[in-house]
Amino acid sequence: MSDTVLYGIEAALNGLMTGVMYSLVALGFVLIFKASGVFNYAQGVMALFSALTLVGIQEGQVPFAHLINAIFGTNVQNFGWEVPALLAIILTIGVMILFAWLVERFLLKHLINQEPVILFMATIGLAYFMEGFGDLMWGSDIKTIDMSMPMLGLPEGLPQGGSFMIEDATASWGGDGFYGFFIDRLDITAAIIAIILVITLTVFSQYSKTGRALRAVADDHQAALSVGISLRTIWVIVWSLAGVVALVAGVMWGAKSGVQFSLSLITLKALPVLMLGGFTSIPGAIIGGVIIGVGEKVFEYIVSASWFGDAMGFTMNATENWFAYVLALIFLVFRPQGLFGDKIIERV
């Protein structure tokens, strides 16, 4: 097999892993949209805020330290202790559940039966508020995540760097200039976690009593209320689930590129994933992410390796920044509901 084909396969495999990372963000959007018909613009900021909170708890950082020091002239930074990663994750999940309750109590409760565009605008305001609140609470410096959990067999935390096992197993497939497939072990871990999340959420949605209630609320708020389903309780549950998914996405993306405020921009890459997979399909979020990830990497490789790429001076990321949106635009024209979304039927 020629080295050119092998490099193309390597690009596709890396795209597959990257697509799964996109899907982790898209899952949160799908959960909230399925239960309320609301596109939650704040999902990316939720991933950022949860990652900031996790690091802050782990490091024993004093919340609002900058504000406290500015008001009282003190110099407090840390409590003087460190929290184990597993306990920090549990505490962060508790914070995200509290956040879900606060969102329902002070925002969503007052917008029941409003137009979807009003709810969407509310999530935009929520996103900007959370971003500023996170900055005020934990600071704006770039943070690193330590996921070392010896009791769970992760003494060094999440695996980083390429997989030597895969490189050694594939090095003999090509010529002297081919050294094997480089696949990031963190991406492999993210793919496994994403598969577990999708299976769990799909089973929960289809077979549990609460999952059926979520789907009933999504179909018709008034009908769900008439049979005794509490809309407010359902919204707290679904926003809590979205917060947990946001935490997973924030940990994976934070471990990959550091916990920084640009992390909230992963929302923009989740949009084309949702357009392809459908806004109401949990498996569709994964399939859409895989299509986007593989498509952009393979397309970038083909263009950069061709005479056209050489002539136009294409470099890495030259096509990756816009390929997903062009593909999503094509889907909007020919199949606006996505591959797995509910078909849009209007009766007149």
Protein backbone atom coordinates (compact mmCIF):
# COMPACT_ATOMS: atom_id res chain seq x y z
CA MET A 1 0.00 0.00 0.00
CA SER A 2 1.41 3.39 -0.99
CA ASP A 3 2.40 5.96 1.61
CA THR A 4 -0.05 8.47 0.09
CA VAL A 5 -3.01 6.15 0.74
CA LEU A 6 -1.76 5.37 4.24
CA TYR A 7 -1.46 9.05 5.11
CA GLY A 8 -5.01 9.51 3.83
CA ILE A 9 -6.21 6.68 6.10
CA GLU A 10 -4.32 8.27 9.01
CA ALA A 11 -6.07 11.59 8.31
CA ALA A 12 -9.44 9.81 8.28
CA LEU A 13 -8.73 8.07 11.60
CA ASN A 14 -7.68 11.33 13.24
CA GLY A 15 -10.78 12.96 11.80
CA LEU A 16 -12.86 10.17 13.32
CA MET A 17 -11.40 10.93 16.75
CA THR A 18 -11.83 14.70 16.32
CA GLY A 19 -15.43 14.20 15.22
CA VAL A 20 -16.18 12.34 18.44
CA MET A 21 -14.83 15.33 20.39
CA TYR A 22 -17.25 17.57 18.46
CA SER A 23 -20.06 15.15 19.27
CA LEU A 24 -19.46 15.45 23.01
CA VAL A 25 -20.48 19.11 22.77
CA ALA A 26 -23.38 18.41 20.40
CA LEU A 27 -24.88 15.89 22.84
CA GLY A 28 -25.69 18.66 25.32
CA PHE A 29 -27.53 20.62 22.65
CA VAL A 30 -29.56 17.55 21.66
CA LEU A 31 -30.60 16.77 25.25
CA ILE A 32 -32.03 20.24 25.88
CA PHE A 33 -33.59 20.59 22.43
CA LYS A 34 -35.33 17.20 22.75
CA ALA A 35 -36.91 18.16 26.07
CA SER A 36 -37.81 21.79 25.47
CA GLY A 37 -37.38 22.65 21.79
CA VAL A 38 -34.81 25.26 22.85
CA PHE A 39 -31.45 25.66 21.16
CA ASN A 40 -29.16 26.23 24.13
CA TYR A 41 -26.52 28.67 22.91
CA ALA A 42 -24.89 28.50 26.36
CA GLN A 43 -23.84 24.84 26.03
CA GLY A 44 -20.26 25.71 25.03
CA VAL A 45 -19.94 28.12 27.96
CA MET A 46 -21.33 25.41 30.24
CA ALA A 47 -18.42 23.19 29.15
CA LEU A 48 -16.01 26.04 29.92
CA PHE A 49 -17.61 26.86 33.29
CA SER A 50 -17.69 23.22 34.41
CA ALA A 51 -14.01 22.75 33.49
CA LEU A 52 -13.06 25.96 35.33
CA THR A 53 -15.02 24.82 38.38
CA LEU A 54 -13.38 21.39 38.31
CA VAL A 55 -9.87 22.86 38.22
CA GLY A 56 -10.75 25.45 40.87
CA ILE A 57 -12.07 22.78 43.26
CA GLN A 58 -9.08 20.49 42.62
CA GLU A 59 -6.55 23.21 43.34
CA GLY A 60 -8.42 24.52 46.38
CA GLN A 61 -8.77 27.93 44.76
CA VAL A 62 -10.78 30.55 46.65
CA PRO A 63 -13.79 31.55 44.51
CA PHE A 64 -13.90 35.27 43.63
CA ALA A 65 -10.36 35.68 45.00
CA HIS A 66 -9.64 38.63 42.68
CA LEU A 67 -12.81 40.41 43.80
CA ILE A 68 -12.17 39.73 47.49
CA ASN A 69 -8.59 41.00 47.23
CA ALA A 70 -9.67 44.14 45.37
CA ILE A 71 -12.38 45.01 47.93
CA PHE A 72 -10.58 44.15 51.18
CA GLY A 73 -6.96 44.61 50.13
CA THR A 74 -6.08 41.01 51.01
CA ASN A 75 -3.97 38.50 49.08
CA VAL A 76 -5.92 35.25 49.37
CA GLN A 77 -5.57 32.73 46.54
CA ASN A 78 -5.95 29.18 47.83
CA PHE A 79 -7.41 27.39 50.84
CA GLY A 80 -4.19 25.37 51.18
CA TRP A 81 -5.51 21.97 50.20
CA GLU A 82 -5.93 19.89 47.04
CA VAL A 83 -8.99 17.82 46.26
CA PRO A 84 -8.63 14.38 44.58
CA ALA A 85 -9.85 14.30 40.98
CA LEU A 86 -12.73 11.88 41.58
CA LEU A 87 -14.11 13.92 44.49
CA ALA A 88 -13.65 17.13 42.48
CA ILE A 89 -15.70 15.61 39.63
CA ILE A 90 -18.52 14.67 42.04
CA LEU A 91 -18.53 18.17 43.55
CA THR A 92 -18.52 19.75 40.08
CA ILE A 93 -21.51 17.64 39.07
CA GLY A 94 -23.24 18.99 42.17
CA VAL A 95 -22.42 22.53 41.07
CA MET A 96 -23.87 21.86 37.60
CA ILE A 97 -27.07 20.44 39.14
CA LEU A 98 -27.34 23.57 41.29
CA PHE A 99 -26.79 25.64 38.15
CA ALA A 100 -29.62 23.76 36.42
CA TRP A 101 -31.97 24.48 39.32
CA LEU A 102 -31.03 28.19 39.29
CA VAL A 103 -31.59 28.43 35.52
CA GLU A 104 -35.04 26.90 35.88
CA ARG A 105 -35.90 28.94 38.97
CA PHE A 106 -34.88 32.36 37.73
CA LEU A 107 -35.06 32.06 33.94
CA LEU A 108 -37.04 29.24 32.38
CA LYS A 109 -39.94 29.38 34.85
CA HIS A 110 -40.82 32.85 33.61
CA LEU A 111 -40.61 31.89 29.91
CA ILE A 112 -42.99 28.92 29.79
CA ASN A 113 -45.07 28.89 26.56
CA GLN A 114 -43.02 31.71 25.06
CA GLU A 115 -41.86 31.62 21.45
CA PRO A 116 -38.70 29.52 20.82
CA VAL A 117 -36.83 32.60 19.62
CA ILE A 118 -37.36 34.24 23.03
CA LEU A 119 -35.94 31.21 24.81
CA PHE A 120 -33.03 31.17 22.38
CA MET A 121 -32.26 34.82 23.10
CA ALA A 122 -32.42 34.02 26.82
CA THR A 123 -29.73 31.34 26.39
CA ILE A 124 -27.53 33.87 24.55
CA GLY A 125 -27.79 36.20 27.53
CA LEU A 126 -27.11 33.25 29.84
CA ALA A 127 -23.97 32.38 27.86
CA TYR A 128 -22.49 35.86 28.21
CA PHE A 129 -23.42 36.01 31.88
CA MET A 130 -21.80 32.64 32.62
CA GLU A 131 -18.64 33.60 30.75
CA GLY A 132 -18.25 36.79 32.78
CA PHE A 133 -19.25 35.03 36.01
CA GLY A 134 -16.69 32.28 35.39
CA ASP A 135 -13.98 34.87 34.80
CA LEU A 136 -14.91 36.67 38.02
CA MET A 137 -15.15 33.45 40.00
CA TRP A 138 -12.06 31.54 38.84
CA GLY A 139 -9.89 34.03 36.92
CA SER A 140 -8.98 34.18 33.23
CA ASP A 141 -5.56 32.50 33.24
CA ILE A 142 -5.08 29.27 31.28
CA LYS A 143 -5.43 26.21 33.52
CA THR A 144 -4.41 22.58 33.19
CA ILE A 145 -6.55 19.63 34.25
CA ASP A 146 -5.07 16.87 36.41
CA MET A 147 -7.17 13.71 36.12
CA SER A 148 -4.85 11.37 37.99
CA MET A 149 -6.92 8.76 39.85
CA PRO A 150 -4.67 5.94 41.15
CA MET A 151 -7.61 4.03 42.64
CA LEU A 152 -9.15 3.76 39.15
CA GLY A 153 -5.91 2.79 37.44
CA LEU A 154 -5.10 6.28 36.15
CA PRO A 155 -1.99 7.28 38.14
CA GLU A 156 -0.95 9.79 35.47
CA GLY A 157 -4.43 11.02 34.55
CA LEU A 158 -5.83 11.03 31.05
CA PRO A 159 -3.41 9.52 28.51
CA GLN A 160 -1.61 12.03 26.32
CA GLY A 161 0.43 11.75 23.13
CA GLY A 162 0.39 9.21 20.33
CA SER A 163 -0.25 5.52 20.81
CA PHE A 164 3.05 3.67 20.39
CA MET A 165 1.18 0.40 20.10
CA ILE A 166 -0.70 1.62 17.02
CA GLU A 167 2.44 3.16 15.54
CA ASP A 168 4.44 -0.06 15.97
CA ALA A 169 1.62 -2.20 14.59
CA THR A 170 1.25 -0.10 11.41
CA ALA A 171 4.84 1.01 10.77
CA SER A 172 5.51 -1.94 8.45
CA TRP A 173 2.51 -1.17 6.22
CA GLY A 174 4.31 1.50 4.17
CA GLY A 175 7.74 2.37 2.87
CA ASP A 176 10.81 3.66 4.67
CA GLY A 177 9.28 7.12 5.03
CA PHE A 178 6.15 5.84 6.83
CA TYR A 179 6.44 5.45 10.62
CA GLY A 180 2.95 4.22 11.42
CA PHE A 181 -0.36 5.88 12.24
CA PHE A 182 -0.21 8.68 14.81
CA ILE A 183 -3.42 8.50 16.85
CA ASP A 184 -3.71 10.58 20.02
CA ARG A 185 -4.53 8.43 23.04
CA LEU A 186 -6.67 11.21 24.50
CA ASP A 187 -8.85 11.11 21.38
CA ILE A 188 -9.22 7.34 21.75
CA THR A 189 -10.29 7.80 25.39
CA ALA A 190 -12.79 10.49 24.35
CA ALA A 191 -14.24 8.16 21.71
CA ILE A 192 -14.77 5.38 24.28
CA ILE A 193 -16.39 7.79 26.75
CA ALA A 194 -18.63 9.24 24.01
CA ILE A 195 -19.84 5.76 23.01
CA ILE A 196 -20.65 4.95 26.66
CA LEU A 197 -22.50 8.28 27.02
CA VAL A 198 -24.56 7.74 23.87
CA ILE A 199 -25.58 4.22 24.87
CA THR A 200 -26.48 5.34 28.40
CA LEU A 201 -28.47 8.38 27.26
CA THR A 202 -30.27 6.43 24.53
CA VAL A 203 -31.32 3.69 26.96
CA PHE A 204 -32.36 6.34 29.51
CA SER A 205 -34.41 8.24 26.92
CA GLN A 206 -36.15 5.19 25.44
CA TYR A 207 -36.78 2.90 28.40
CA SER A 208 -36.90 4.89 31.64
CA LYS A 209 -40.02 6.58 32.99
CA THR A 210 -38.19 9.91 33.21
CA GLY A 211 -36.91 9.51 29.66
CA ARG A 212 -40.43 8.98 28.36
CA ALA A 213 -41.53 12.06 30.28
CA LEU A 214 -38.73 14.04 28.61
CA ARG A 215 -39.99 13.00 25.18
CA ALA A 216 -43.58 13.80 26.14
CA VAL A 217 -42.60 17.32 27.17
CA ALA A 218 -40.71 17.76 23.90
CA ASP A 219 -43.76 16.73 21.86
CA ASP A 220 -46.32 18.94 23.62
CA HIS A 221 -45.83 20.98 26.79
CA GLN A 222 -49.54 21.44 27.45
CA ALA A 223 -50.40 17.77 26.93
CA ALA A 224 -47.56 16.73 29.25
CA LEU A 225 -48.79 19.13 31.93
CA SER A 226 -52.35 17.77 31.57
CA VAL A 227 -51.25 14.23 32.50
CA GLY A 228 -49.33 15.36 35.58
CA ILE A 229 -45.79 15.73 34.24
CA SER A 230 -44.01 18.63 35.95
CA LEU A 231 -42.44 20.76 33.25
CA ARG A 232 -40.20 22.52 35.77
CA THR A 233 -38.86 19.24 37.17
CA ILE A 234 -38.17 17.93 33.68
CA TRP A 235 -36.25 21.07 32.78
CA VAL A 236 -34.08 20.75 35.90
CA ILE A 237 -33.34 17.11 35.04
CA VAL A 238 -32.48 17.77 31.42
CA TRP A 239 -30.31 20.81 32.18
CA SER A 240 -28.53 18.74 34.84
CA LEU A 241 -27.85 16.00 32.27
CA ALA A 242 -26.62 18.62 29.81
CA GLY A 243 -24.36 19.99 32.55
CA VAL A 244 -22.82 16.54 33.12
CA VAL A 245 -22.25 16.14 29.36
CA ALA A 246 -20.75 19.65 29.30
CA LEU A 247 -18.38 18.62 32.10
CA VAL A 248 -17.19 15.60 30.11
CA ALA A 249 -16.67 17.75 27.02
CA GLY A 250 -14.92 20.43 29.06
CA VAL A 251 -12.54 17.89 30.63
CA MET A 252 -11.65 16.32 27.26
CA TRP A 253 -11.18 19.61 25.41
CA GLY A 254 -9.46 21.15 28.44
CA ALA A 255 -7.01 18.26 28.65
CA LYS A 256 -6.34 18.65 24.93
CA SER A 257 -5.81 22.41 24.67
CA GLY A 258 -5.94 23.77 28.22
CA VAL A 259 -8.87 25.27 30.12
CA GLN A 260 -9.15 28.75 28.63
CA PHE A 261 -11.98 31.00 27.55
CA SER A 262 -11.62 30.11 23.87
CA LEU A 263 -13.03 26.73 24.95
CA SER A 264 -16.52 28.23 24.72
CA LEU A 265 -16.05 28.57 20.94
CA ILE A 266 -16.41 24.81 20.49
CA THR A 267 -20.12 25.66 20.26
CA LEU A 268 -19.49 26.88 16.73
CA LYS A 269 -18.17 23.47 15.63
CA ALA A 270 -21.16 21.72 17.22
CA LEU A 271 -23.60 23.61 14.98
CA PRO A 272 -22.78 21.79 11.71
CA VAL A 273 -22.72 18.51 13.66
CA LEU A 274 -26.31 19.14 14.77
CA MET A 275 -27.38 20.14 11.25
CA LEU A 276 -26.09 16.85 9.88
CA GLY A 277 -27.18 14.51 12.65
CA GLY A 278 -30.43 16.23 13.56
CA PHE A 279 -31.33 18.33 16.58
CA THR A 280 -33.40 15.57 18.22
CA SER A 281 -31.23 12.46 17.77
CA ILE A 282 -28.65 11.37 20.35
CA PRO A 283 -26.99 8.81 18.02
CA GLY A 284 -27.25 11.43 15.26
CA ALA A 285 -24.95 13.72 17.27
CA ILE A 286 -22.23 11.08 17.11
CA ILE A 287 -22.81 10.24 13.43
CA GLY A 288 -22.84 13.93 12.51
CA GLY A 289 -19.63 14.52 14.44
CA VAL A 290 -17.91 11.59 12.72
CA ILE A 291 -18.97 12.84 9.27
CA ILE A 292 -17.73 16.35 10.03
CA GLY A 293 -14.47 15.18 11.60
CA VAL A 294 -13.55 12.65 8.91
CA GLY A 295 -14.77 14.88 6.09
CA GLU A 296 -12.75 17.95 7.07
CA LYS A 297 -9.54 16.01 7.71
CA VAL A 298 -9.72 13.95 4.50
CA PHE A 299 -10.75 16.96 2.40
CA GLU A 300 -7.91 19.00 3.88
CA TYR A 301 -5.44 16.19 3.14
CA ILE A 302 -6.63 15.78 -0.45
CA VAL A 303 -6.47 19.50 -1.17
CA SER A 304 -3.12 20.10 0.54
CA ALA A 305 -1.54 17.05 -1.18
CA SER A 306 -2.77 17.98 -4.66
CA TRP A 307 -1.23 20.30 -7.23
CA PHE A 308 -4.11 22.71 -6.56
CA GLY A 309 -3.14 22.95 -2.89
CA ASP A 310 0.49 23.61 -3.82
CA ALA A 311 -0.49 26.25 -6.35
CA MET A 312 -2.83 28.06 -3.94
CA GLY A 313 -0.45 27.75 -1.01
CA PHE A 314 -2.86 25.82 1.24
CA THR A 315 -1.52 25.00 4.70
CA MET A 316 -2.91 23.09 7.65
CA ASN A 317 -6.36 24.34 8.78
CA ALA A 318 -6.82 26.23 5.48
CA THR A 319 -9.97 24.24 4.64
CA GLU A 320 -10.75 22.85 8.10
CA ASN A 321 -12.18 26.18 9.25
CA TRP A 322 -14.95 26.29 6.65
CA PHE A 323 -15.52 22.75 5.33
CA ALA A 324 -18.01 21.81 8.10
CA TYR A 325 -20.19 24.87 7.44
CA VAL A 326 -20.27 24.31 3.67
CA LEU A 327 -21.32 20.70 4.24
CA ALA A 328 -23.97 21.82 6.73
CA LEU A 329 -25.26 24.38 4.22
CA ILE A 330 -25.69 21.63 1.62
CA PHE A 331 -27.67 19.57 4.13
CA LEU A 332 -29.87 22.56 4.98
CA VAL A 333 -30.81 22.88 1.31
CA PHE A 334 -31.61 19.22 0.65
CA ARG A 335 -32.42 17.75 4.09
CA PRO A 336 -33.01 20.49 6.68
CA GLN A 337 -34.00 18.04 9.44
CA GLY A 338 -30.63 16.26 9.23
CA LEU A 339 -29.95 12.55 8.82
CA PHE A 340 -31.79 11.40 11.94
CA GLY A 341 -33.92 14.40 12.90
CA ASP A 342 -37.72 14.38 12.90
CA LYS A 343 -39.15 15.18 9.50
CA ILE A 344 -40.68 18.66 9.31
CA ILE A 345 -44.34 18.45 8.24
CA GLU A 346 -46.52 21.51 7.98
CA ARG A 347 -50.26 21.11 7.44
CA VAL A 348 -52.21 23.92 5.89
